[in-house]
């Protein structure tokens, strides 16, 4: 099983479109996270949108580089299996549908915290909502 976790650096401040934060992918044995190095934090809301868009559209390979960071993960698709590699060291294989569901659940958990709610007038929020809609469509298609 794989999970995604998203966090904001300034958890006690009201959410802002350009908040810095961390992304973590975890399985029972492996953890890939930007939180290991403060230089790897990224603009969390924009990075989530980029991650969704790349994974929904992945054909063979998607090189994810978080917004305003050097946090990098390579996703390689071979049929229904996604191989996830960070800096050519950690390696996770996961079923594509399972990865998309975990991504959706991780974002849902993050956004369910009222402290992480962006203003309804935010263009960054609108992009994220639009990308999440496409993610949900992809999941429904694969089910």
N, C-alpha and C. Protein backbone atom coordinates (compact mmCIF):
# COMPACT_ATOMS: atom_id res chain seq x y z
N UNK A 1 0.83 -1.18 0.00
CA UNK A 1 0.00 0.00 0.00
C UNK A 1 0.88 1.25 0.00
N UNK A 2 0.47 2.24 -0.76
CA UNK A 2 1.20 3.50 -0.84
C UNK A 2 0.30 4.62 -0.34
N UNK A 3 0.91 5.61 0.30
CA UNK A 3 0.17 6.79 0.75
C UNK A 3 0.94 8.04 0.37
N UNK A 4 0.19 9.12 0.21
CA UNK A 4 0.76 10.44 -0.01
C UNK A 4 0.41 11.29 1.20
N UNK A 5 1.37 12.09 1.62
CA UNK A 5 1.12 13.08 2.68
C UNK A 5 1.61 14.43 2.18
N UNK A 6 0.82 15.45 2.44
CA UNK A 6 1.16 16.82 2.08
C UNK A 6 1.11 17.66 3.35
N UNK A 7 2.10 18.52 3.54
CA UNK A 7 2.11 19.40 4.71
C UNK A 7 2.53 20.80 4.28
N UNK A 8 2.10 21.76 5.08
CA UNK A 8 2.52 23.15 4.89
C UNK A 8 3.56 23.50 5.93
N UNK A 9 4.54 24.31 5.57
CA UNK A 9 5.59 24.69 6.50
C UNK A 9 5.05 25.58 7.63
N UNK A 10 4.17 26.49 7.29
CA UNK A 10 3.59 27.41 8.29
C UNK A 10 2.18 26.97 8.63
N UNK A 11 2.05 25.87 9.34
CA UNK A 11 0.75 25.28 9.64
C UNK A 11 -0.17 26.17 10.44
N UNK A 12 0.38 27.08 11.22
CA UNK A 12 -0.44 27.91 12.09
C UNK A 12 -0.89 29.21 11.45
N UNK A 13 -0.38 29.51 10.29
CA UNK A 13 -0.76 30.73 9.56
C UNK A 13 -1.89 30.39 8.59
N UNK A 14 -2.71 31.38 8.22
CA UNK A 14 -3.73 31.12 7.19
C UNK A 14 -3.07 30.67 5.89
N UNK A 15 -3.76 29.81 5.17
CA UNK A 15 -3.22 29.28 3.92
C UNK A 15 -3.05 30.38 2.88
N UNK A 16 -1.98 30.27 2.12
CA UNK A 16 -1.66 31.21 1.06
C UNK A 16 -1.33 30.41 -0.21
N UNK A 17 -1.64 30.98 -1.36
CA UNK A 17 -1.43 30.28 -2.63
C UNK A 17 0.00 29.79 -2.82
N UNK A 18 0.95 30.50 -2.27
CA UNK A 18 2.35 30.16 -2.51
C UNK A 18 3.03 29.58 -1.29
N UNK A 19 2.24 28.99 -0.39
CA UNK A 19 2.79 28.35 0.80
C UNK A 19 3.81 27.29 0.43
N UNK A 20 4.86 27.24 1.23
CA UNK A 20 5.87 26.20 1.09
C UNK A 20 5.40 24.98 1.89
N UNK A 21 5.80 23.81 1.43
CA UNK A 21 5.41 22.60 2.13
C UNK A 21 6.17 21.40 1.61
N UNK A 22 5.78 20.24 2.11
CA UNK A 22 6.47 18.99 1.77
C UNK A 22 5.51 17.94 1.23
N UNK A 23 6.09 17.08 0.42
CA UNK A 23 5.38 15.94 -0.17
C UNK A 23 6.10 14.68 0.27
N UNK A 24 5.30 13.70 0.71
CA UNK A 24 5.86 12.42 1.14
C UNK A 24 5.07 11.29 0.51
N UNK A 25 5.77 10.31 -0.03
CA UNK A 25 5.18 9.06 -0.49
C UNK A 25 5.71 7.97 0.42
N UNK A 26 4.83 7.10 0.89
CA UNK A 26 5.27 6.05 1.81
C UNK A 26 4.65 4.71 1.44
N UNK A 27 5.45 3.69 1.60
CA UNK A 27 4.96 2.31 1.59
C UNK A 27 5.36 1.73 2.94
N UNK A 28 5.14 0.45 3.12
CA UNK A 28 5.53 -0.18 4.38
C UNK A 28 7.04 -0.09 4.61
N UNK A 29 7.82 -0.12 3.54
CA UNK A 29 9.28 -0.20 3.66
C UNK A 29 10.03 1.05 3.23
N UNK A 30 9.42 1.88 2.40
CA UNK A 30 10.15 2.99 1.78
C UNK A 30 9.42 4.30 1.99
N UNK A 31 10.21 5.35 2.21
CA UNK A 31 9.66 6.70 2.35
C UNK A 31 10.46 7.62 1.43
N UNK A 32 9.73 8.29 0.55
CA UNK A 32 10.31 9.30 -0.33
C UNK A 32 9.70 10.62 0.09
N UNK A 33 10.53 11.57 0.54
CA UNK A 33 9.98 12.79 1.09
C UNK A 33 10.89 13.99 0.84
N UNK A 34 10.26 15.11 0.61
CA UNK A 34 11.01 16.36 0.50
C UNK A 34 11.37 16.90 1.88
N UNK A 35 10.77 16.37 2.92
CA UNK A 35 11.00 16.90 4.28
C UNK A 35 12.39 16.56 4.82
N UNK A 36 13.10 15.68 4.15
CA UNK A 36 14.44 15.29 4.61
C UNK A 36 15.45 16.43 4.49
N UNK A 37 15.15 17.40 3.65
CA UNK A 37 16.09 18.51 3.40
C UNK A 37 15.28 19.80 3.25
N UNK A 38 15.51 20.80 4.07
CA UNK A 38 14.74 22.05 3.99
C UNK A 38 14.81 22.72 2.61
N UNK A 39 15.86 22.45 1.86
CA UNK A 39 15.97 23.03 0.51
C UNK A 39 14.99 22.41 -0.48
N UNK A 40 14.35 21.30 -0.10
CA UNK A 40 13.46 20.60 -1.02
C UNK A 40 11.99 20.97 -0.84
N UNK A 41 11.68 21.85 0.12
CA UNK A 41 10.28 22.27 0.24
C UNK A 41 9.87 22.99 -1.04
N UNK A 42 8.59 22.94 -1.33
CA UNK A 42 8.11 23.52 -2.58
C UNK A 42 6.82 24.30 -2.34
N UNK A 43 6.39 25.01 -3.36
CA UNK A 43 5.09 25.66 -3.30
C UNK A 43 4.05 24.54 -3.38
N UNK A 44 3.49 24.20 -2.25
CA UNK A 44 2.75 22.96 -2.10
C UNK A 44 1.50 22.88 -2.98
N UNK A 45 0.72 23.93 -3.07
CA UNK A 45 -0.52 23.87 -3.85
C UNK A 45 -0.22 23.75 -5.35
N UNK A 46 0.74 24.52 -5.82
CA UNK A 46 1.12 24.43 -7.23
C UNK A 46 1.77 23.08 -7.54
N UNK A 47 2.53 22.56 -6.59
CA UNK A 47 3.19 21.27 -6.79
C UNK A 47 2.19 20.13 -6.82
N UNK A 48 1.14 20.22 -6.02
CA UNK A 48 0.09 19.19 -6.05
C UNK A 48 -0.59 19.16 -7.42
N UNK A 49 -0.89 20.34 -7.94
CA UNK A 49 -1.52 20.42 -9.26
C UNK A 49 -0.62 19.82 -10.33
N UNK A 50 0.64 20.15 -10.29
CA UNK A 50 1.61 19.61 -11.25
C UNK A 50 1.70 18.09 -11.14
N UNK A 51 1.71 17.57 -9.93
CA UNK A 51 1.78 16.13 -9.70
C UNK A 51 0.54 15.42 -10.26
N UNK A 52 -0.62 15.97 -9.98
CA UNK A 52 -1.87 15.39 -10.51
C UNK A 52 -1.83 15.37 -12.02
N UNK A 53 -1.55 16.52 -12.62
CA UNK A 53 -1.57 16.62 -14.09
C UNK A 53 -0.61 15.63 -14.73
N UNK A 54 0.57 15.50 -14.17
CA UNK A 54 1.56 14.58 -14.74
C UNK A 54 1.15 13.13 -14.61
N UNK A 55 0.60 12.75 -13.46
CA UNK A 55 0.23 11.35 -13.26
C UNK A 55 -1.03 10.96 -14.00
N UNK A 56 -1.95 11.89 -14.18
CA UNK A 56 -3.16 11.59 -14.94
C UNK A 56 -2.82 11.35 -16.41
N UNK A 57 -1.85 12.09 -16.92
CA UNK A 57 -1.51 12.04 -18.35
C UNK A 57 -0.33 11.13 -18.68
N UNK A 58 0.27 10.50 -17.69
CA UNK A 58 1.49 9.72 -17.93
C UNK A 58 1.25 8.62 -18.98
N UNK A 59 2.15 8.56 -19.93
CA UNK A 59 2.13 7.48 -20.92
C UNK A 59 3.25 6.49 -20.60
N UNK A 60 4.48 6.97 -20.66
CA UNK A 60 5.63 6.11 -20.36
C UNK A 60 6.46 6.66 -19.21
N UNK A 61 6.68 7.98 -19.18
CA UNK A 61 7.55 8.55 -18.17
C UNK A 61 7.10 9.96 -17.82
N UNK A 62 7.17 10.27 -16.53
CA UNK A 62 6.86 11.60 -16.04
C UNK A 62 7.92 11.96 -15.02
N UNK A 63 8.68 13.01 -15.31
CA UNK A 63 9.69 13.48 -14.39
C UNK A 63 9.11 14.65 -13.61
N UNK A 64 8.78 14.39 -12.37
CA UNK A 64 8.16 15.39 -11.51
C UNK A 64 9.24 16.19 -10.79
N UNK A 65 9.19 17.50 -10.97
CA UNK A 65 10.07 18.42 -10.23
C UNK A 65 9.14 19.43 -9.58
N UNK A 66 9.12 19.42 -8.26
CA UNK A 66 8.21 20.28 -7.52
C UNK A 66 8.48 21.75 -7.83
N UNK A 67 7.42 22.56 -7.72
CA UNK A 67 7.51 23.99 -8.02
C UNK A 67 8.37 24.70 -6.98
N UNK A 68 9.34 25.46 -7.45
CA UNK A 68 10.24 26.25 -6.61
C UNK A 68 11.13 25.37 -5.72
N UNK A 69 11.54 24.24 -6.27
CA UNK A 69 12.34 23.28 -5.49
C UNK A 69 13.13 22.40 -6.44
N UNK A 70 14.04 21.65 -5.88
CA UNK A 70 14.75 20.65 -6.69
C UNK A 70 14.31 19.23 -6.29
N UNK A 71 13.20 19.12 -5.57
CA UNK A 71 12.67 17.80 -5.22
C UNK A 71 12.18 17.14 -6.50
N UNK A 72 12.75 15.99 -6.80
CA UNK A 72 12.52 15.33 -8.08
C UNK A 72 12.19 13.85 -7.89
N UNK A 73 11.16 13.41 -8.59
CA UNK A 73 10.79 11.99 -8.60
C UNK A 73 10.50 11.62 -10.05
N UNK A 74 10.96 10.45 -10.46
CA UNK A 74 10.68 9.97 -11.80
C UNK A 74 9.67 8.83 -11.71
N UNK A 75 8.59 8.97 -12.48
CA UNK A 75 7.55 7.95 -12.56
C UNK A 75 7.64 7.33 -13.95
N UNK A 76 7.80 6.03 -14.01
CA UNK A 76 7.86 5.33 -15.29
C UNK A 76 6.72 4.32 -15.33
N UNK A 77 5.96 4.36 -16.42
CA UNK A 77 4.79 3.48 -16.53
C UNK A 77 5.05 2.37 -17.53
N UNK A 78 4.74 1.16 -17.12
CA UNK A 78 4.78 0.00 -18.00
C UNK A 78 3.47 -0.75 -17.78
N UNK A 79 2.56 -0.55 -18.70
CA UNK A 79 1.19 -1.06 -18.60
C UNK A 79 0.53 -0.48 -17.35
N UNK A 80 0.17 -1.33 -16.40
CA UNK A 80 -0.54 -0.85 -15.21
C UNK A 80 0.37 -0.70 -14.00
N UNK A 81 1.66 -0.77 -14.21
CA UNK A 81 2.61 -0.64 -13.09
C UNK A 81 3.39 0.67 -13.25
N UNK A 82 3.51 1.38 -12.14
CA UNK A 82 4.31 2.60 -12.10
C UNK A 82 5.53 2.33 -11.24
N UNK A 83 6.68 2.63 -11.79
CA UNK A 83 7.93 2.54 -11.03
C UNK A 83 8.28 3.96 -10.60
N UNK A 84 8.50 4.14 -9.31
CA UNK A 84 8.79 5.45 -8.74
C UNK A 84 10.23 5.43 -8.24
N UNK A 85 11.03 6.39 -8.72
CA UNK A 85 12.43 6.46 -8.34
C UNK A 85 12.75 7.90 -7.92
N UNK A 86 13.44 8.03 -6.79
CA UNK A 86 13.91 9.34 -6.33
C UNK A 86 15.42 9.33 -6.35
N UNK A 87 16.01 10.24 -7.10
CA UNK A 87 17.46 10.40 -7.17
C UNK A 87 18.17 9.07 -7.43
N UNK A 88 17.59 8.22 -8.24
CA UNK A 88 18.18 6.94 -8.61
C UNK A 88 18.54 6.07 -7.41
N UNK A 89 17.86 6.24 -6.29
CA UNK A 89 18.20 5.43 -5.13
C UNK A 89 17.02 4.60 -4.63
N UNK A 90 15.92 5.25 -4.33
CA UNK A 90 14.78 4.52 -3.81
C UNK A 90 13.86 4.13 -4.96
N UNK A 91 13.29 2.95 -4.87
CA UNK A 91 12.54 2.40 -5.97
C UNK A 91 11.25 1.77 -5.42
N UNK A 92 10.11 2.20 -5.93
CA UNK A 92 8.82 1.65 -5.53
C UNK A 92 8.09 1.24 -6.80
N UNK A 93 7.47 0.07 -6.78
CA UNK A 93 6.58 -0.35 -7.86
C UNK A 93 5.17 -0.42 -7.30
N UNK A 94 4.24 0.19 -8.02
CA UNK A 94 2.85 0.25 -7.54
C UNK A 94 1.91 0.19 -8.74
N UNK A 95 0.74 -0.34 -8.50
CA UNK A 95 -0.29 -0.37 -9.54
C UNK A 95 -0.77 1.07 -9.78
N UNK A 96 -0.91 1.43 -11.04
CA UNK A 96 -1.27 2.79 -11.43
C UNK A 96 -2.54 3.27 -10.73
N UNK A 97 -3.59 2.48 -10.75
CA UNK A 97 -4.84 2.87 -10.11
C UNK A 97 -4.64 3.10 -8.61
N UNK A 98 -3.88 2.24 -7.97
CA UNK A 98 -3.60 2.39 -6.54
C UNK A 98 -2.88 3.71 -6.26
N UNK A 99 -1.95 4.07 -7.13
CA UNK A 99 -1.21 5.32 -6.99
C UNK A 99 -2.15 6.52 -7.10
N UNK A 100 -3.04 6.50 -8.09
CA UNK A 100 -3.97 7.61 -8.28
C UNK A 100 -4.93 7.74 -7.11
N UNK A 101 -5.42 6.63 -6.62
CA UNK A 101 -6.33 6.66 -5.45
C UNK A 101 -5.60 7.21 -4.23
N UNK A 102 -4.37 6.77 -4.01
CA UNK A 102 -3.58 7.27 -2.88
C UNK A 102 -3.34 8.77 -3.00
N UNK A 103 -3.06 9.24 -4.20
CA UNK A 103 -2.86 10.67 -4.43
C UNK A 103 -4.13 11.44 -4.10
N UNK A 104 -5.26 10.98 -4.59
CA UNK A 104 -6.54 11.64 -4.32
C UNK A 104 -6.84 11.65 -2.82
N UNK A 105 -6.62 10.55 -2.15
CA UNK A 105 -6.87 10.46 -0.70
C UNK A 105 -5.94 11.38 0.08
N UNK A 106 -4.68 11.45 -0.32
CA UNK A 106 -3.72 12.32 0.36
C UNK A 106 -4.08 13.79 0.23
N UNK A 107 -4.50 14.18 -0.97
CA UNK A 107 -4.91 15.57 -1.19
C UNK A 107 -6.19 15.87 -0.42
N UNK A 108 -7.12 14.93 -0.43
CA UNK A 108 -8.37 15.12 0.31
C UNK A 108 -8.10 15.32 1.80
N UNK A 109 -7.23 14.50 2.35
CA UNK A 109 -6.90 14.62 3.77
C UNK A 109 -6.26 15.99 4.06
N UNK A 110 -5.34 16.41 3.20
CA UNK A 110 -4.67 17.70 3.37
C UNK A 110 -5.68 18.85 3.31
N UNK A 111 -6.56 18.83 2.32
CA UNK A 111 -7.51 19.92 2.13
C UNK A 111 -8.65 19.89 3.13
N UNK A 112 -8.86 18.76 3.79
CA UNK A 112 -9.95 18.68 4.78
C UNK A 112 -9.62 19.45 6.05
N UNK A 113 -8.36 19.78 6.25
CA UNK A 113 -7.97 20.60 7.40
C UNK A 113 -8.31 22.05 7.07
N UNK A 114 -9.18 22.68 7.86
CA UNK A 114 -9.58 24.06 7.56
C UNK A 114 -8.39 25.03 7.46
N UNK A 115 -7.30 24.73 8.13
CA UNK A 115 -6.12 25.60 8.06
C UNK A 115 -5.47 25.57 6.68
N UNK A 116 -5.77 24.55 5.88
CA UNK A 116 -5.18 24.42 4.56
C UNK A 116 -6.10 24.92 3.44
N UNK A 117 -7.21 25.53 3.81
CA UNK A 117 -8.19 25.99 2.84
C UNK A 117 -7.77 27.33 2.24
N UNK A 118 -7.67 27.35 0.94
CA UNK A 118 -7.37 28.59 0.22
C UNK A 118 -8.66 29.38 -0.01
N UNK A 119 -8.56 30.70 -0.18
CA UNK A 119 -9.77 31.49 -0.48
C UNK A 119 -10.43 31.00 -1.78
N UNK A 120 -11.73 31.04 -1.82
CA UNK A 120 -12.48 30.58 -2.99
C UNK A 120 -12.15 31.38 -4.25
N UNK A 121 -11.61 32.56 -4.12
CA UNK A 121 -11.26 33.40 -5.27
C UNK A 121 -9.85 33.10 -5.80
N UNK A 122 -9.16 32.18 -5.19
CA UNK A 122 -7.79 31.86 -5.57
C UNK A 122 -7.72 31.14 -6.91
N UNK A 123 -6.91 31.67 -7.82
CA UNK A 123 -6.71 31.00 -9.11
C UNK A 123 -5.94 29.69 -8.92
N UNK A 124 -5.07 29.65 -7.94
CA UNK A 124 -4.33 28.42 -7.64
C UNK A 124 -5.31 27.34 -7.19
N UNK A 125 -6.28 27.72 -6.36
CA UNK A 125 -7.31 26.76 -5.92
C UNK A 125 -8.13 26.28 -7.11
N UNK A 126 -8.49 27.19 -8.00
CA UNK A 126 -9.28 26.80 -9.17
C UNK A 126 -8.52 25.79 -10.03
N UNK A 127 -7.23 26.01 -10.22
CA UNK A 127 -6.41 25.05 -10.98
C UNK A 127 -6.37 23.70 -10.27
N UNK A 128 -6.21 23.72 -8.96
CA UNK A 128 -6.15 22.48 -8.18
C UNK A 128 -7.49 21.74 -8.26
N UNK A 129 -8.59 22.46 -8.15
CA UNK A 129 -9.92 21.84 -8.24
C UNK A 129 -10.12 21.22 -9.62
N UNK A 130 -9.71 21.93 -10.66
CA UNK A 130 -9.83 21.42 -12.03
C UNK A 130 -8.99 20.15 -12.22
N UNK A 131 -7.77 20.16 -11.71
CA UNK A 131 -6.90 18.99 -11.82
C UNK A 131 -7.47 17.80 -11.04
N UNK A 132 -8.01 18.08 -9.87
CA UNK A 132 -8.60 17.00 -9.06
C UNK A 132 -9.80 16.39 -9.77
N UNK A 133 -10.56 17.21 -10.48
CA UNK A 133 -11.70 16.70 -11.25
C UNK A 133 -11.20 15.70 -12.30
N UNK A 134 -10.11 16.04 -12.98
CA UNK A 134 -9.53 15.14 -13.98
C UNK A 134 -8.99 13.87 -13.33
N UNK A 135 -8.41 14.00 -12.15
CA UNK A 135 -7.92 12.84 -11.41
C UNK A 135 -9.07 11.90 -11.08
N UNK A 136 -10.16 12.43 -10.60
CA UNK A 136 -11.32 11.61 -10.24
C UNK A 136 -11.91 10.91 -11.48
N UNK A 137 -11.93 11.63 -12.62
CA UNK A 137 -12.39 11.02 -13.87
C UNK A 137 -11.51 9.84 -14.27
N UNK A 138 -10.20 10.03 -14.14
CA UNK A 138 -9.25 8.97 -14.50
C UNK A 138 -9.45 7.76 -13.60
N UNK A 139 -9.61 7.99 -12.30
CA UNK A 139 -9.84 6.89 -11.36
C UNK A 139 -11.12 6.14 -11.74
N UNK A 140 -12.20 6.87 -12.00
CA UNK A 140 -13.47 6.24 -12.37
C UNK A 140 -13.32 5.42 -13.66
N UNK A 141 -12.57 5.97 -14.61
CA UNK A 141 -12.33 5.26 -15.87
C UNK A 141 -11.60 3.93 -15.64
N UNK A 142 -10.61 3.95 -14.74
CA UNK A 142 -9.81 2.76 -14.48
C UNK A 142 -10.50 1.72 -13.60
N UNK A 143 -11.51 2.16 -12.85
CA UNK A 143 -12.24 1.21 -12.00
C UNK A 143 -13.08 0.33 -12.84
